[in-house]
PDB file of N, CA and C in Angstrom:
ATOM      1  N   UNK A   1      -1.204 -11.892  -5.264  1.00  0.00           N
ATOM      2  CA  UNK A   1      -0.374 -11.009  -4.462  1.00  0.00           C
ATOM      3  C   UNK A   1       0.469 -10.165  -5.406  1.00  0.00           C
ATOM      4  N   UNK A   2       0.418  -8.846  -5.180  1.00  0.00           N
ATOM      5  CA  UNK A   2       1.213  -7.924  -5.981  1.00  0.00           C
ATOM      6  C   UNK A   2       2.626  -7.795  -5.435  1.00  0.00           C
ATOM      7  N   UNK A   3       2.713  -7.514  -4.134  1.00  0.00           N
ATOM      8  CA  UNK A   3       4.018  -7.203  -3.557  1.00  0.00           C
ATOM      9  C   UNK A   3       4.043  -7.589  -2.085  1.00  0.00           C
ATOM     10  N   UNK A   4       5.244  -7.879  -1.607  1.00  0.00           N
ATOM     11  CA  UNK A   4       5.450  -8.272  -0.214  1.00  0.00           C
ATOM     12  C   UNK A   4       6.685  -7.542   0.287  1.00  0.00           C
ATOM     13  N   UNK A   5       6.590  -7.024   1.504  1.00  0.00           N
ATOM     14  CA  UNK A   5       7.747  -6.366   2.110  1.00  0.00           C
ATOM     15  C   UNK A   5       7.823  -6.783   3.567  1.00  0.00           C
ATOM     16  N   UNK A   6       8.975  -7.255   3.981  1.00  0.00           N
ATOM     17  CA  UNK A   6       9.225  -7.660   5.358  1.00  0.00           C
ATOM     18  C   UNK A   6      10.189  -6.674   5.985  1.00  0.00           C
ATOM     19  N   UNK A   7       9.770  -6.068   7.099  1.00  0.00           N
ATOM     20  CA  UNK A   7      10.618  -5.099   7.787  1.00  0.00           C
ATOM     21  C   UNK A   7      11.893  -5.780   8.264  1.00  0.00           C
ATOM     22  N   UNK A   8      12.955  -5.007   8.426  1.00  0.00           N
ATOM     23  CA  UNK A   8      14.278  -5.514   8.773  1.00  0.00           C
ATOM     24  C   UNK A   8      14.319  -6.456   9.959  1.00  0.00           C
ATOM     25  N   UNK A   9      13.563  -6.192  11.014  1.00  0.00           N
ATOM     26  CA  UNK A   9      13.608  -7.067  12.186  1.00  0.00           C
ATOM     27  C   UNK A   9      12.596  -8.213  12.093  1.00  0.00           C
ATOM     28  N   UNK A  10      11.934  -8.352  10.945  1.00  0.00           N
ATOM     29  CA  UNK A  10      10.988  -9.433  10.657  1.00  0.00           C
ATOM     30  C   UNK A  10       9.800  -9.455  11.607  1.00  0.00           C
ATOM     31  N   UNK A  11       9.384  -8.298  12.102  1.00  0.00           N
ATOM     32  CA  UNK A  11       8.211  -8.233  12.971  1.00  0.00           C
ATOM     33  C   UNK A  11       7.006  -7.620  12.271  1.00  0.00           C
ATOM     34  N   UNK A  12       7.219  -7.033  11.101  1.00  0.00           N
ATOM     35  CA  UNK A  12       6.156  -6.379  10.362  1.00  0.00           C
ATOM     36  C   UNK A  12       6.196  -6.850   8.910  1.00  0.00           C
ATOM     37  N   UNK A  13       5.077  -7.373   8.428  1.00  0.00           N
ATOM     38  CA  UNK A  13       4.959  -7.893   7.070  1.00  0.00           C
ATOM     39  C   UNK A  13       3.843  -7.123   6.367  1.00  0.00           C
ATOM     40  N   UNK A  14       4.158  -6.559   5.196  1.00  0.00           N
ATOM     41  CA  UNK A  14       3.181  -5.801   4.419  1.00  0.00           C
ATOM     42  C   UNK A  14       2.933  -6.552   3.107  1.00  0.00           C
ATOM     43  N   UNK A  15       1.656  -6.785   2.777  1.00  0.00           N
ATOM     44  CA  UNK A  15       1.304  -7.528   1.571  1.00  0.00           C
ATOM     45  C   UNK A  15       0.290  -6.725   0.766  1.00  0.00           C
ATOM     46  N   UNK A  16       0.614  -6.432  -0.482  1.00  0.00           N
ATOM     47  CA  UNK A  16      -0.332  -5.835  -1.422  1.00  0.00           C
ATOM     48  C   UNK A  16      -1.004  -6.978  -2.165  1.00  0.00           C
ATOM     49  N   UNK A  17      -2.317  -7.123  -1.994  1.00  0.00           N
ATOM     50  CA  UNK A  17      -2.994  -8.314  -2.512  1.00  0.00           C
ATOM     51  C   UNK A  17      -4.223  -7.958  -3.335  1.00  0.00           C
ATOM     52  N   UNK A  18      -4.524  -8.797  -4.304  1.00  0.00           N
ATOM     53  CA  UNK A  18      -5.723  -8.643  -5.123  1.00  0.00           C
ATOM     54  C   UNK A  18      -5.446  -9.090  -6.540  1.00  0.00           C
ATOM     55  N   UNK A  19      -6.427  -8.850  -7.405  1.00  0.00           N
ATOM     56  CA  UNK A  19      -6.231  -9.214  -8.801  1.00  0.00           C
ATOM     57  C   UNK A  19      -5.703  -8.005  -9.574  1.00  0.00           C
ATOM     58  N   UNK A  20      -5.200  -8.213 -10.732  1.00  0.00           N
ATOM     59  CA  UNK A  20      -4.507  -7.184 -11.492  1.00  0.00           C
ATOM     60  C   UNK A  20      -5.391  -5.995 -11.846  1.00  0.00           C
ATOM     61  N   UNK A  21      -6.655  -6.215 -12.139  1.00  0.00           N
ATOM     62  CA  UNK A  21      -7.467  -5.132 -12.689  1.00  0.00           C
ATOM     63  C   UNK A  21      -8.555  -4.609 -11.762  1.00  0.00           C
ATOM     64  N   UNK A  22      -8.525  -4.969 -10.503  1.00  0.00           N
ATOM     65  CA  UNK A  22      -9.573  -4.521  -9.599  1.00  0.00           C
ATOM     66  C   UNK A  22      -8.977  -3.907  -8.348  1.00  0.00           C
ATOM     67  N   UNK A  23      -9.821  -3.153  -7.646  1.00  0.00           N
ATOM     68  CA  UNK A  23      -9.380  -2.533  -6.409  1.00  0.00           C
ATOM     69  C   UNK A  23      -8.881  -3.598  -5.466  1.00  0.00           C
ATOM     70  N   UNK A  24      -7.788  -3.336  -4.831  1.00  0.00           N
ATOM     71  CA  UNK A  24      -7.138  -4.322  -3.992  1.00  0.00           C
ATOM     72  C   UNK A  24      -6.918  -3.728  -2.610  1.00  0.00           C
ATOM     73  N   UNK A  25      -6.197  -4.443  -1.796  1.00  0.00           N
ATOM     74  CA  UNK A  25      -5.945  -3.964  -0.442  1.00  0.00           C
ATOM     75  C   UNK A  25      -4.496  -4.211  -0.067  1.00  0.00           C
ATOM     76  N   UNK A  26      -4.099  -3.539   0.992  1.00  0.00           N
ATOM     77  CA  UNK A  26      -2.797  -3.772   1.592  1.00  0.00           C
ATOM     78  C   UNK A  26      -3.077  -4.321   2.982  1.00  0.00           C
ATOM     79  N   UNK A  27      -2.480  -5.442   3.265  1.00  0.00           N
ATOM     80  CA  UNK A  27      -2.685  -6.079   4.565  1.00  0.00           C
ATOM     81  C   UNK A  27      -1.404  -5.987   5.378  1.00  0.00           C
ATOM     82  N   UNK A  28      -1.569  -5.607   6.632  1.00  0.00           N
ATOM     83  CA  UNK A  28      -0.440  -5.418   7.533  1.00  0.00           C
ATOM     84  C   UNK A  28      -0.495  -6.491   8.602  1.00  0.00           C
ATOM     85  N   UNK A  29       0.591  -7.250   8.692  1.00  0.00           N
ATOM     86  CA  UNK A  29       0.690  -8.332   9.668  1.00  0.00           C
ATOM     87  C   UNK A  29       1.819  -8.022  10.646  1.00  0.00           C
ATOM     88  N   UNK A  30       1.615  -8.361  11.903  1.00  0.00           N
ATOM     89  CA  UNK A  30       2.664  -8.234  12.920  1.00  0.00           C
ATOM     90  C   UNK A  30       2.931  -9.612  13.500  1.00  0.00           C
ATOM     91  N   UNK A  31       4.188  -9.817  13.888  1.00  0.00           N
ATOM     92  CA  UNK A  31       4.577 -11.114  14.452  1.00  0.00           C
ATOM     93  C   UNK A  31       4.114 -11.189  15.903  1.00  0.00           C
ATOM     94  N   UNK A  32       3.388 -12.249  16.206  1.00  0.00           N
ATOM     95  CA  UNK A  32       2.903 -12.515  17.552  1.00  0.00           C
ATOM     96  C   UNK A  32       4.070 -12.980  18.419  1.00  0.00           C
ATOM     97  N   UNK A  33       4.279 -12.337  19.553  1.00  0.00           N
ATOM     98  CA  UNK A  33       5.405 -12.689  20.431  1.00  0.00           C
ATOM     99  C   UNK A  33       5.251 -14.038  21.118  1.00  0.00           C
ATOM    100  N   UNK A  34       4.030 -14.523  21.244  1.00  0.00           N
ATOM    101  CA  UNK A  34       3.801 -15.788  21.941  1.00  0.00           C
ATOM    102  C   UNK A  34       4.022 -16.977  21.009  1.00  0.00           C
ATOM    103  N   UNK A  35       3.320 -16.996  19.876  1.00  0.00           N
ATOM    104  CA  UNK A  35       3.395 -18.134  18.945  1.00  0.00           C
ATOM    105  C   UNK A  35       4.385 -17.929  17.804  1.00  0.00           C
ATOM    106  N   UNK A  36       4.956 -16.729  17.688  1.00  0.00           N
ATOM    107  CA  UNK A  36       5.899 -16.397  16.629  1.00  0.00           C
ATOM    108  C   UNK A  36       5.275 -16.524  15.235  1.00  0.00           C
ATOM    109  N   UNK A  37       3.965 -16.248  15.135  1.00  0.00           N
ATOM    110  CA  UNK A  37       3.248 -16.285  13.865  1.00  0.00           C
ATOM    111  C   UNK A  37       2.821 -14.870  13.494  1.00  0.00           C
ATOM    112  N   UNK A  38       2.616 -14.634  12.201  1.00  0.00           N
ATOM    113  CA  UNK A  38       2.122 -13.338  11.761  1.00  0.00           C
ATOM    114  C   UNK A  38       0.605 -13.290  11.893  1.00  0.00           C
ATOM    115  N   UNK A  39       0.100 -12.192  12.459  1.00  0.00           N
ATOM    116  CA  UNK A  39      -1.327 -11.981  12.674  1.00  0.00           C
ATOM    117  C   UNK A  39      -1.717 -10.688  11.969  1.00  0.00           C
ATOM    118  N   UNK A  40      -2.834 -10.721  11.223  1.00  0.00           N
ATOM    119  CA  UNK A  40      -3.263  -9.506  10.530  1.00  0.00           C
ATOM    120  C   UNK A  40      -3.681  -8.448  11.546  1.00  0.00           C
ATOM    121  N   UNK A  41      -3.091  -7.257  11.391  1.00  0.00           N
ATOM    122  CA  UNK A  41      -3.359  -6.160  12.319  1.00  0.00           C
ATOM    123  C   UNK A  41      -4.234  -5.074  11.691  1.00  0.00           C
ATOM    124  N   UNK A  42      -4.059  -4.852  10.381  1.00  0.00           N
ATOM    125  CA  UNK A  42      -4.780  -3.762   9.727  1.00  0.00           C
ATOM    126  C   UNK A  42      -4.918  -4.073   8.249  1.00  0.00           C
ATOM    127  N   UNK A  43      -5.982  -3.550   7.664  1.00  0.00           N
ATOM    128  CA  UNK A  43      -6.201  -3.684   6.217  1.00  0.00           C
ATOM    129  C   UNK A  43      -6.483  -2.295   5.668  1.00  0.00           C
ATOM    130  N   UNK A  44      -5.724  -1.900   4.661  1.00  0.00           N
ATOM    131  CA  UNK A  44      -5.897  -0.598   4.017  1.00  0.00           C
ATOM    132  C   UNK A  44      -6.536  -0.816   2.646  1.00  0.00           C
ATOM    133  N   UNK A  45      -7.466   0.054   2.288  1.00  0.00           N
ATOM    134  CA  UNK A  45      -8.170  -0.044   1.012  1.00  0.00           C
ATOM    135  C   UNK A  45      -7.871   1.178   0.165  1.00  0.00           C
ATOM    136  N   UNK A  46      -7.824   0.998  -1.135  1.00  0.00           N
ATOM    137  CA  UNK A  46      -7.726   2.129  -2.041  1.00  0.00           C
ATOM    138  C   UNK A  46      -9.025   2.912  -2.031  1.00  0.00           C
ATOM    139  N   UNK A  47      -9.005   4.109  -2.534  1.00  0.00           N
ATOM    140  CA  UNK A  47     -10.172   4.948  -2.428  1.00  0.00           C
ATOM    141  C   UNK A  47     -10.897   5.278  -3.707  1.00  0.00           C
ATOM    142  N   UNK A  48     -10.480   4.731  -4.846  1.00  0.00           N
ATOM    143  CA  UNK A  48     -11.052   5.180  -6.109  1.00  0.00           C
ATOM    144  C   UNK A  48     -11.932   4.161  -6.812  1.00  0.00           C
ATOM    145  N   UNK A  49     -12.151   3.029  -6.234  1.00  0.00           N
ATOM    146  CA  UNK A  49     -12.998   2.036  -6.891  1.00  0.00           C
ATOM    147  C   UNK A  49     -12.214   1.078  -7.755  1.00  0.00           C
ATOM    148  N   UNK A  50     -12.893   0.513  -8.737  1.00  0.00           N
ATOM    149  CA  UNK A  50     -12.301  -0.554  -9.537  1.00  0.00           C
ATOM    150  C   UNK A  50     -11.120  -0.076 -10.362  1.00  0.00           C
ATOM    151  N   UNK A  51     -10.264  -0.978 -10.650  1.00  0.00           N
ATOM    152  CA  UNK A  51      -9.152  -0.839 -11.597  1.00  0.00           C
ATOM    153  C   UNK A  51      -8.045   0.115 -11.182  1.00  0.00           C
ATOM    154  N   UNK A  52      -7.831   0.373  -9.920  1.00  0.00           N
ATOM    155  CA  UNK A  52      -6.712   1.242  -9.564  1.00  0.00           C
ATOM    156  C   UNK A  52      -5.452   0.459  -9.185  1.00  0.00           C
ATOM    157  N   UNK A  53      -5.567  -0.843  -8.939  1.00  0.00           N
ATOM    158  CA  UNK A  53      -4.432  -1.695  -8.556  1.00  0.00           C
ATOM    159  C   UNK A  53      -3.715  -1.169  -7.306  1.00  0.00           C
ATOM    160  N   UNK A  54      -4.493  -0.756  -6.325  1.00  0.00           N
ATOM    161  CA  UNK A  54      -3.964  -0.285  -5.049  1.00  0.00           C
ATOM    162  C   UNK A  54      -3.155  -1.409  -4.397  1.00  0.00           C
ATOM    163  N   UNK A  55      -1.940  -1.102  -3.982  1.00  0.00           N
ATOM    164  CA  UNK A  55      -1.076  -2.100  -3.358  1.00  0.00           C
ATOM    165  C   UNK A  55      -0.144  -2.801  -4.321  1.00  0.00           C
ATOM    166  N   UNK A  56      -0.088  -2.315  -5.563  1.00  0.00           N
ATOM    167  CA  UNK A  56       0.763  -2.939  -6.565  1.00  0.00           C
ATOM    168  C   UNK A  56       2.219  -2.972  -6.113  1.00  0.00           C
ATOM    169  N   UNK A  57       2.663  -1.902  -5.480  1.00  0.00           N
ATOM    170  CA  UNK A  57       3.981  -1.841  -4.843  1.00  0.00           C
ATOM    171  C   UNK A  57       3.804  -1.311  -3.429  1.00  0.00           C
ATOM    172  N   UNK A  58       4.537  -1.880  -2.494  1.00  0.00           N
ATOM    173  CA  UNK A  58       4.528  -1.407  -1.107  1.00  0.00           C
ATOM    174  C   UNK A  58       5.969  -1.318  -0.616  1.00  0.00           C
ATOM    175  N   UNK A  59       6.216  -0.384   0.296  1.00  0.00           N
ATOM    176  CA  UNK A  59       7.544  -0.263   0.883  1.00  0.00           C
ATOM    177  C   UNK A  59       7.403   0.331   2.276  1.00  0.00           C
ATOM    178  N   UNK A  60       8.194  -0.171   3.194  1.00  0.00           N
ATOM    179  CA  UNK A  60       8.218   0.326   4.563  1.00  0.00           C
ATOM    180  C   UNK A  60       9.446   1.220   4.707  1.00  0.00           C
ATOM    181  N   UNK A  61       9.259   2.358   5.344  1.00  0.00           N
ATOM    182  CA  UNK A  61      10.341   3.318   5.496  1.00  0.00           C
ATOM    183  C   UNK A  61      10.593   3.615   6.964  1.00  0.00           C
ATOM    184  N   UNK A  62      11.804   3.974   7.275  1.00  0.00           N
ATOM    185  CA  UNK A  62      12.198   4.443   8.608  1.00  0.00           C
ATOM    186  C   UNK A  62      11.800   3.478   9.718  1.00  0.00           C
ATOM    187  N   UNK A  63      12.195   2.222   9.587  1.00  0.00           N
ATOM    188  CA  UNK A  63      11.956   1.248  10.642  1.00  0.00           C
ATOM    189  C   UNK A  63      10.500   0.932  10.898  1.00  0.00           C
ATOM    190  N   UNK A  64       9.659   1.051   9.892  1.00  0.00           N
ATOM    191  CA  UNK A  64       8.250   0.729  10.049  1.00  0.00           C
ATOM    192  C   UNK A  64       7.381   1.902  10.440  1.00  0.00           C
ATOM    193  N   UNK A  65       7.935   3.097  10.494  1.00  0.00           N
ATOM    194  CA  UNK A  65       7.144   4.273  10.856  1.00  0.00           C
ATOM    195  C   UNK A  65       6.297   4.779   9.693  1.00  0.00           C
ATOM    196  N   UNK A  66       6.769   4.564   8.469  1.00  0.00           N
ATOM    197  CA  UNK A  66       6.060   5.055   7.284  1.00  0.00           C
ATOM    198  C   UNK A  66       5.865   3.916   6.296  1.00  0.00           C
ATOM    199  N   UNK A  67       4.798   4.022   5.527  1.00  0.00           N
ATOM    200  CA  UNK A  67       4.453   3.031   4.521  1.00  0.00           C
ATOM    201  C   UNK A  67       4.091   3.758   3.233  1.00  0.00           C
ATOM    202  N   UNK A  68       4.673   3.321   2.117  1.00  0.00           N
ATOM    203  CA  UNK A  68       4.330   3.852   0.797  1.00  0.00           C
ATOM    204  C   UNK A  68       3.589   2.778   0.023  1.00  0.00           C
ATOM    205  N   UNK A  69       2.464   3.160  -0.596  1.00  0.00           N
ATOM    206  CA  UNK A  69       1.624   2.224  -1.354  1.00  0.00           C
ATOM    207  C   UNK A  69       1.326   2.852  -2.708  1.00  0.00           C
ATOM    208  N   UNK A  70       1.528   2.085  -3.776  1.00  0.00           N
ATOM    209  CA  UNK A  70       1.208   2.618  -5.099  1.00  0.00           C
ATOM    210  C   UNK A  70      -0.098   2.033  -5.618  1.00  0.00           C
ATOM    211  N   UNK A  71      -0.732   2.811  -6.477  1.00  0.00           N
ATOM    212  CA  UNK A  71      -1.936   2.401  -7.202  1.00  0.00           C
ATOM    213  C   UNK A  71      -1.749   2.913  -8.629  1.00  0.00           C
ATOM    214  N   UNK A  72      -0.992   2.194  -9.419  1.00  0.00           N
ATOM    215  CA  UNK A  72      -0.541   2.716 -10.714  1.00  0.00           C
ATOM    216  C   UNK A  72      -1.642   2.860 -11.760  1.00  0.00           C
ATOM    217  N   UNK A  73      -2.812   2.304 -11.486  1.00  0.00           N
ATOM    218  CA  UNK A  73      -3.922   2.437 -12.437  1.00  0.00           C
ATOM    219  C   UNK A  73      -4.969   3.460 -11.972  1.00  0.00           C
ATOM    220  N   UNK A  74      -4.668   4.211 -10.916  1.00  0.00           N
ATOM    221  CA  UNK A  74      -5.621   5.191 -10.389  1.00  0.00           C
ATOM    222  C   UNK A  74      -5.865   6.312 -11.396  1.00  0.00           C
ATOM    223  N   UNK A  75      -7.029   6.922 -11.284  1.00  0.00           N
ATOM    224  CA  UNK A  75      -7.401   8.021 -12.177  1.00  0.00           C
ATOM    225  C   UNK A  75      -7.072   9.360 -11.541  1.00  0.00           C
ATOM    226  N   UNK A  76      -6.719  10.305 -12.380  1.00  0.00           N
ATOM    227  CA  UNK A  76      -6.563  11.695 -11.944  1.00  0.00           C
ATOM    228  C   UNK A  76      -7.309  12.562 -12.939  1.00  0.00           C
ATOM    229  N   UNK A  77      -8.269  13.314 -12.458  1.00  0.00           N
ATOM    230  CA  UNK A  77      -9.042  14.218 -13.305  1.00  0.00           C
ATOM    231  C   UNK A  77      -9.618  13.484 -14.518  1.00  0.00           C
ATOM    232  N   UNK A  78     -10.075  12.258 -14.298  1.00  0.00           N
ATOM    233  CA  UNK A  78     -10.704  11.479 -15.361  1.00  0.00           C
ATOM    234  C   UNK A  78      -9.768  10.680 -16.232  1.00  0.00           C
ATOM    235  N   UNK A  79      -8.469  10.916 -16.126  1.00  0.00           N
ATOM    236  CA  UNK A  79      -7.511  10.189 -16.971  1.00  0.00           C
ATOM    237  C   UNK A  79      -7.137   8.856 -16.339  1.00  0.00           C
ATOM    238  N   UNK A  80      -7.383   7.795 -17.063  1.00  0.00           N
ATOM    239  CA  UNK A  80      -7.053   6.464 -16.559  1.00  0.00           C
ATOM    240  C   UNK A  80      -5.534   6.260 -16.598  1.00  0.00           C
ATOM    241  N   UNK A  81      -5.066   5.489 -15.668  1.00  0.00           N
ATOM    242  CA  UNK A  81      -3.661   5.114 -15.543  1.00  0.00           C
ATOM    243  C   UNK A  81      -2.739   6.285 -15.215  1.00  0.00           C
ATOM    244  N   UNK A  82      -3.257   7.312 -14.591  1.00  0.00           N
ATOM    245  CA  UNK A  82      -2.389   8.398 -14.127  1.00  0.00           C
ATOM    246  C   UNK A  82      -1.549   7.903 -12.953  1.00  0.00           C
ATOM    247  N   UNK A  83      -2.145   7.121 -12.065  1.00  0.00           N
ATOM    248  CA  UNK A  83      -1.440   6.529 -10.933  1.00  0.00           C
ATOM    249  C   UNK A  83      -1.420   7.421  -9.702  1.00  0.00           C
ATOM    250  N   UNK A  84      -1.302   6.790  -8.539  1.00  0.00           N
ATOM    251  CA  UNK A  84      -1.216   7.502  -7.262  1.00  0.00           C
ATOM    252  C   UNK A  84      -0.251   6.776  -6.350  1.00  0.00           C
ATOM    253  N   UNK A  85       0.353   7.532  -5.453  1.00  0.00           N
ATOM    254  CA  UNK A  85       1.171   6.962  -4.382  1.00  0.00           C
ATOM    255  C   UNK A  85       0.638   7.510  -3.066  1.00  0.00           C
ATOM    256  N   UNK A  86       0.346   6.605  -2.150  1.00  0.00           N
ATOM    257  CA  UNK A  86      -0.191   6.947  -0.840  1.00  0.00           C
ATOM    258  C   UNK A  86       0.924   6.803   0.200  1.00  0.00           C
ATOM    259  N   UNK A  87       1.037   7.777   1.092  1.00  0.00           N
ATOM    260  CA  UNK A  87       2.018   7.728   2.172  1.00  0.00           C
ATOM    261  C   UNK A  87       1.258   7.670   3.498  1.00  0.00           C
ATOM    262  N   UNK A  88       1.600   6.676   4.301  1.00  0.00           N
ATOM    263  CA  UNK A  88       0.972   6.466   5.608  1.00  0.00           C
ATOM    264  C   UNK A  88       2.022   6.597   6.707  1.00  0.00           C
ATOM    265  N   UNK A  89       1.579   7.013   7.884  1.00  0.00           N
ATOM    266  CA  UNK A  89       2.449   7.059   9.066  1.00  0.00           C
ATOM    267  C   UNK A  89       1.753   6.286  10.182  1.00  0.00           C
ATOM    268  N   UNK A  90       2.557   5.644  11.017  1.00  0.00           N
ATOM    269  CA  UNK A  90       2.000   4.934  12.168  1.00  0.00           C
ATOM    270  C   UNK A  90       1.631   5.935  13.249  1.00  0.00           C
ATOM    271  N   UNK A  91       0.452   5.766  13.808  1.00  0.00           N
ATOM    272  CA  UNK A  91       0.021   6.661  14.876  1.00  0.00           C
ATOM    273  C   UNK A  91       0.394   6.051  16.236  1.00  0.00           C
ATOM    274  N   UNK A  92      -0.045   6.671  17.312  1.00  0.00           N
ATOM    275  CA  UNK A  92       0.307   6.207  18.664  1.00  0.00           C
ATOM    276  C   UNK A  92      -0.222   4.820  18.991  1.00  0.00           C
ATOM    277  N   UNK A  93      -1.259   4.385  18.295  1.00  0.00           N
ATOM    278  CA  UNK A  93      -1.800   3.043  18.528  1.00  0.00           C
ATOM    279  C   UNK A  93      -1.213   2.017  17.564  1.00  0.00           C
ATOM    280  N   UNK A  94      -0.168   2.407  16.813  1.00  0.00           N
ATOM    281  CA  UNK A  94       0.546   1.554  15.853  1.00  0.00           C
ATOM    282  C   UNK A  94      -0.255   1.205  14.606  1.00  0.00           C
ATOM    283  N   UNK A  95      -1.300   1.967  14.312  1.00  0.00           N
ATOM    284  CA  UNK A  95      -2.025   1.782  13.064  1.00  0.00           C
ATOM    285  C   UNK A  95      -1.557   2.822  12.056  1.00  0.00           C
ATOM    286  N   UNK A  96      -1.584   2.445  10.786  1.00  0.00           N
ATOM    287  CA  UNK A  96      -1.174   3.367   9.731  1.00  0.00           C
ATOM    288  C   UNK A  96      -2.330   4.291   9.360  1.00  0.00           C
ATOM    289  N   UNK A  97      -2.027   5.587   9.268  1.00  0.00           N
ATOM    290  CA  UNK A  97      -2.997   6.610   8.883  1.00  0.00           C
ATOM    291  C   UNK A  97      -2.455   7.344   7.662  1.00  0.00           C
ATOM    292  N   UNK A  98      -3.337   7.611   6.697  1.00  0.00           N
ATOM    293  CA  UNK A  98      -2.936   8.326   5.488  1.00  0.00           C
ATOM    294  C   UNK A  98      -2.515   9.753   5.834  1.00  0.00           C
ATOM    295  N   UNK A  99      -1.310  10.141   5.368  1.00  0.00           N
ATOM    296  CA  UNK A  99      -0.856  11.509   5.607  1.00  0.00           C
ATOM    297  C   UNK A  99      -0.692  12.301   4.307  1.00  0.00           C
ATOM    298  N   UNK A 100      -0.521  11.604   3.182  1.00  0.00           N
ATOM    299  CA  UNK A 100      -0.308  12.316   1.908  1.00  0.00           C
ATOM    300  C   UNK A 100      -0.621  11.380   0.752  1.00  0.00           C
ATOM    301  N   UNK A 101      -1.127  11.953  -0.319  1.00  0.00           N
ATOM    302  CA  UNK A 101      -1.359  11.207  -1.553  1.00  0.00           C
ATOM    303  C   UNK A 101      -0.820  12.031  -2.709  1.00  0.00           C
ATOM    304  N   UNK A 102      -0.020  11.397  -3.560  1.00  0.00           N
ATOM    305  CA  UNK A 102       0.541  12.043  -4.738  1.00  0.00           C
ATOM    306  C   UNK A 102      -0.105  11.416  -5.971  1.00  0.00           C
ATOM    307  N   UNK A 103      -0.601  12.236  -6.882  1.00  0.00           N
ATOM    308  CA  UNK A 103      -1.277  11.746  -8.077  1.00  0.00           C
ATOM    309  C   UNK A 103      -0.482  12.056  -9.328  1.00  0.00           C
ATOM    310  N   UNK A 104      -0.462  11.088 -10.244  1.00  0.00           N
ATOM    311  CA  UNK A 104       0.083  11.357 -11.568  1.00  0.00           C
ATOM    312  C   UNK A 104      -0.808  12.374 -12.256  1.00  0.00           C
ATOM    313  N   UNK A 105      -0.267  13.138 -13.134  1.00  0.00           N
ATOM    314  CA  UNK A 105      -1.022  14.227 -13.763  1.00  0.00           C
ATOM    315  C   UNK A 105      -1.373  13.978 -15.224  1.00  0.00           C
ATOM    316  N   UNK A 106      -0.895  12.870 -15.794  1.00  0.00           N
ATOM    317  CA  UNK A 106      -1.075  12.651 -17.220  1.00  0.00           C
ATOM    318  C   UNK A 106      -1.638  11.269 -17.502  1.00  0.00           C
ATOM    319  N   UNK A 107      -2.393  11.174 -18.559  1.00  0.00           N
ATOM    320  CA  UNK A 107      -2.931   9.898 -18.999  1.00  0.00           C
ATOM    321  C   UNK A 107      -1.778   8.935 -19.288  1.00  0.00           C
ATOM    322  N   UNK A 108      -1.908   7.726 -18.806  1.00  0.00           N
ATOM    323  CA  UNK A 108      -0.930   6.640 -18.985  1.00  0.00           C
ATOM    324  C   UNK A 108       0.397   6.884 -18.275  1.00  0.00           C
ATOM    325  N   UNK A 109       0.445   7.841 -17.344  1.00  0.00           N
ATOM    326  CA  UNK A 109       1.678   8.070 -16.581  1.00  0.00           C
ATOM    327  C   UNK A 109       2.005   6.868 -15.680  1.00  0.00           C
ATOM    328  N   UNK A 110       0.986   6.247 -15.122  1.00  0.00           N
ATOM    329  CA  UNK A 110       1.134   5.059 -14.266  1.00  0.00           C
ATOM    330  C   UNK A 110       2.102   5.283 -13.109  1.00  0.00           C
ATOM    331  N   UNK A 111       1.959   6.399 -12.424  1.00  0.00           N
ATOM    332  CA  UNK A 111       2.797   6.717 -11.275  1.00  0.00           C
ATOM    333  C   UNK A 111       2.778   5.562 -10.268  1.00  0.00           C
ATOM    334  N   UNK A 112       3.941   5.092  -9.871  1.00  0.00           N
ATOM    335  CA  UNK A 112       4.049   4.011  -8.902  1.00  0.00           C
ATOM    336  C   UNK A 112       4.115   2.613  -9.483  1.00  0.00           C
ATOM    337  N   UNK A 113       4.055   2.491 -10.792  1.00  0.00           N
ATOM    338  CA  UNK A 113       4.078   1.154 -11.393  1.00  0.00           C
ATOM    339  C   UNK A 113       5.428   0.462 -11.210  1.00  0.00           C
ATOM    340  N   UNK A 114       6.487   1.193 -11.282  1.00  0.00           N
ATOM    341  CA  UNK A 114       7.830   0.599 -11.212  1.00  0.00           C
ATOM    342  C   UNK A 114       8.418   0.609  -9.803  1.00  0.00           C
ATOM    343  N   UNK A 115       7.623   0.976  -8.838  1.00  0.00           N
ATOM    344  CA  UNK A 115       8.116   0.941  -7.456  1.00  0.00           C
ATOM    345  C   UNK A 115       8.607   2.265  -6.961  1.00  0.00           C
TER     346      UNK A 115
END
């Protein structure tokens, strides 16, 4: 597990999971109102293949409406470790949809590594 973020009201749990050097995922869990347990609702995948460390850092913004995910080992224009940050917004069905991606522009920039 890379990172864990629990929304303020403890109903939404975001987990960036995987191994250090391979493509990983972000898993979104919501608290079940009946059993009070977290149930996986959605899984987000990085888009660049191996070694991007997608989900290394995660953060929930604006009461769970937005999600920021880093992939500090992502490539930009062939340069390894340029890094990327993905911004998602919740749609009407409460699933996160990608709305913007920011890429590091330089080799070894590692955008998103420090959160």
